[in-house]
Protein backbone atom coordinates (compact mmCIF):
# COMPACT_ATOMS: atom_id res chain seq x y z
CA MET A 1 151.87 121.37 68.16
CA GLU A 2 149.96 120.98 71.40
CA ILE A 3 150.18 124.71 72.00
CA ALA A 4 148.85 125.42 68.50
CA ALA A 5 145.93 123.06 69.12
CA ILE A 6 145.09 124.76 72.42
CA ILE A 7 145.35 128.25 70.89
CA PHE A 8 143.17 127.16 67.96
CA VAL A 9 140.44 125.84 70.25
CA VAL A 10 140.55 128.87 72.56
CA PHE A 11 140.40 131.24 69.57
CA LEU A 12 137.37 129.50 68.08
CA ILE A 13 135.62 129.38 71.46
CA ALA A 14 136.08 133.16 71.64
CA VAL A 15 134.76 133.50 68.08
CA ALA A 16 131.74 131.38 69.01
CA GLY A 17 131.01 133.54 72.06
CA ILE A 18 131.32 136.77 70.10
CA THR A 19 129.15 135.37 67.31
CA PHE A 20 126.49 134.32 69.81
CA PHE A 21 126.26 137.81 71.29
CA LEU A 22 126.45 139.63 67.94
CA LEU A 23 123.53 137.60 66.61
CA LYS A 24 121.48 138.25 69.74
CA ARG A 25 118.84 140.47 68.15
CA ALA A 26 119.11 139.41 64.53
CA VAL A 27 118.56 135.65 64.70
CA LYS A 28 116.36 133.33 66.73
CA MET A 29 117.88 131.35 69.58
CA ALA A 30 117.81 128.01 67.75
CA MET A 31 119.72 129.41 64.80
CA ARG A 32 122.28 131.07 67.09
CA ALA A 33 122.76 127.79 68.95
CA ALA A 34 123.22 125.92 65.67
CA ILE A 35 125.84 128.40 64.42
CA VAL A 36 127.72 128.30 67.74
CA ALA A 37 127.54 124.49 67.82
CA LEU A 38 129.02 124.37 64.31
CA ILE A 39 131.88 126.68 65.30
CA LEU A 40 132.56 124.66 68.45
CA MET A 41 132.51 121.40 66.48
CA ILE A 42 135.07 122.83 64.06
CA ALA A 43 137.17 123.92 67.04
CA VAL A 44 137.12 120.48 68.64
CA VAL A 45 137.85 118.59 65.42
CA GLY A 46 140.58 121.02 64.39
CA GLY A 47 142.17 121.02 67.83
CA LEU A 48 142.14 117.24 68.07
CA SER A 49 143.61 116.86 64.59
CA LEU A 50 146.38 119.36 65.37
CA TRP A 51 147.06 117.55 68.62
CA TRP A 52 146.97 114.06 67.10
CA PHE A 53 148.74 114.62 63.77
CA GLY A 54 151.08 117.41 64.84
CA THR A 55 154.63 116.43 65.50
CA THR A 56 157.04 117.77 68.07
CA ALA A 57 159.91 115.54 67.02
CA THR A 58 163.02 117.42 66.09
CA SER A 59 164.93 116.59 62.96
CA ASN A 60 167.93 114.29 63.30
CA LYS A 61 169.58 115.93 60.33
CA GLN A 62 172.90 117.60 61.06
CA PRO A 63 173.15 121.30 60.30
CA ALA A 64 174.87 122.19 57.05
CA THR A 65 178.55 122.85 57.35
CA THR A 66 179.83 126.13 56.04
CA ASN A 67 183.14 126.25 54.22
CA LYS A 68 185.02 129.52 54.26
CA SER A 69 186.41 130.48 50.90
CA ARG A 70 189.57 131.97 52.45
């Protein structure tokens, strides 16, 4: 799950950067900064929750046995 958390954060950082540059002419700087800060906050919280609550433990359950009919 650590890899998923890292990929999630990197993806949302890229989205925040693209959003910042796409809104360059349409929105004032303060609004762009607020939108990017919101995206980055979601990235950090989501990444930390994936990292913290994700599990890498493998199951101790034995694989199902297959019985041949003949």
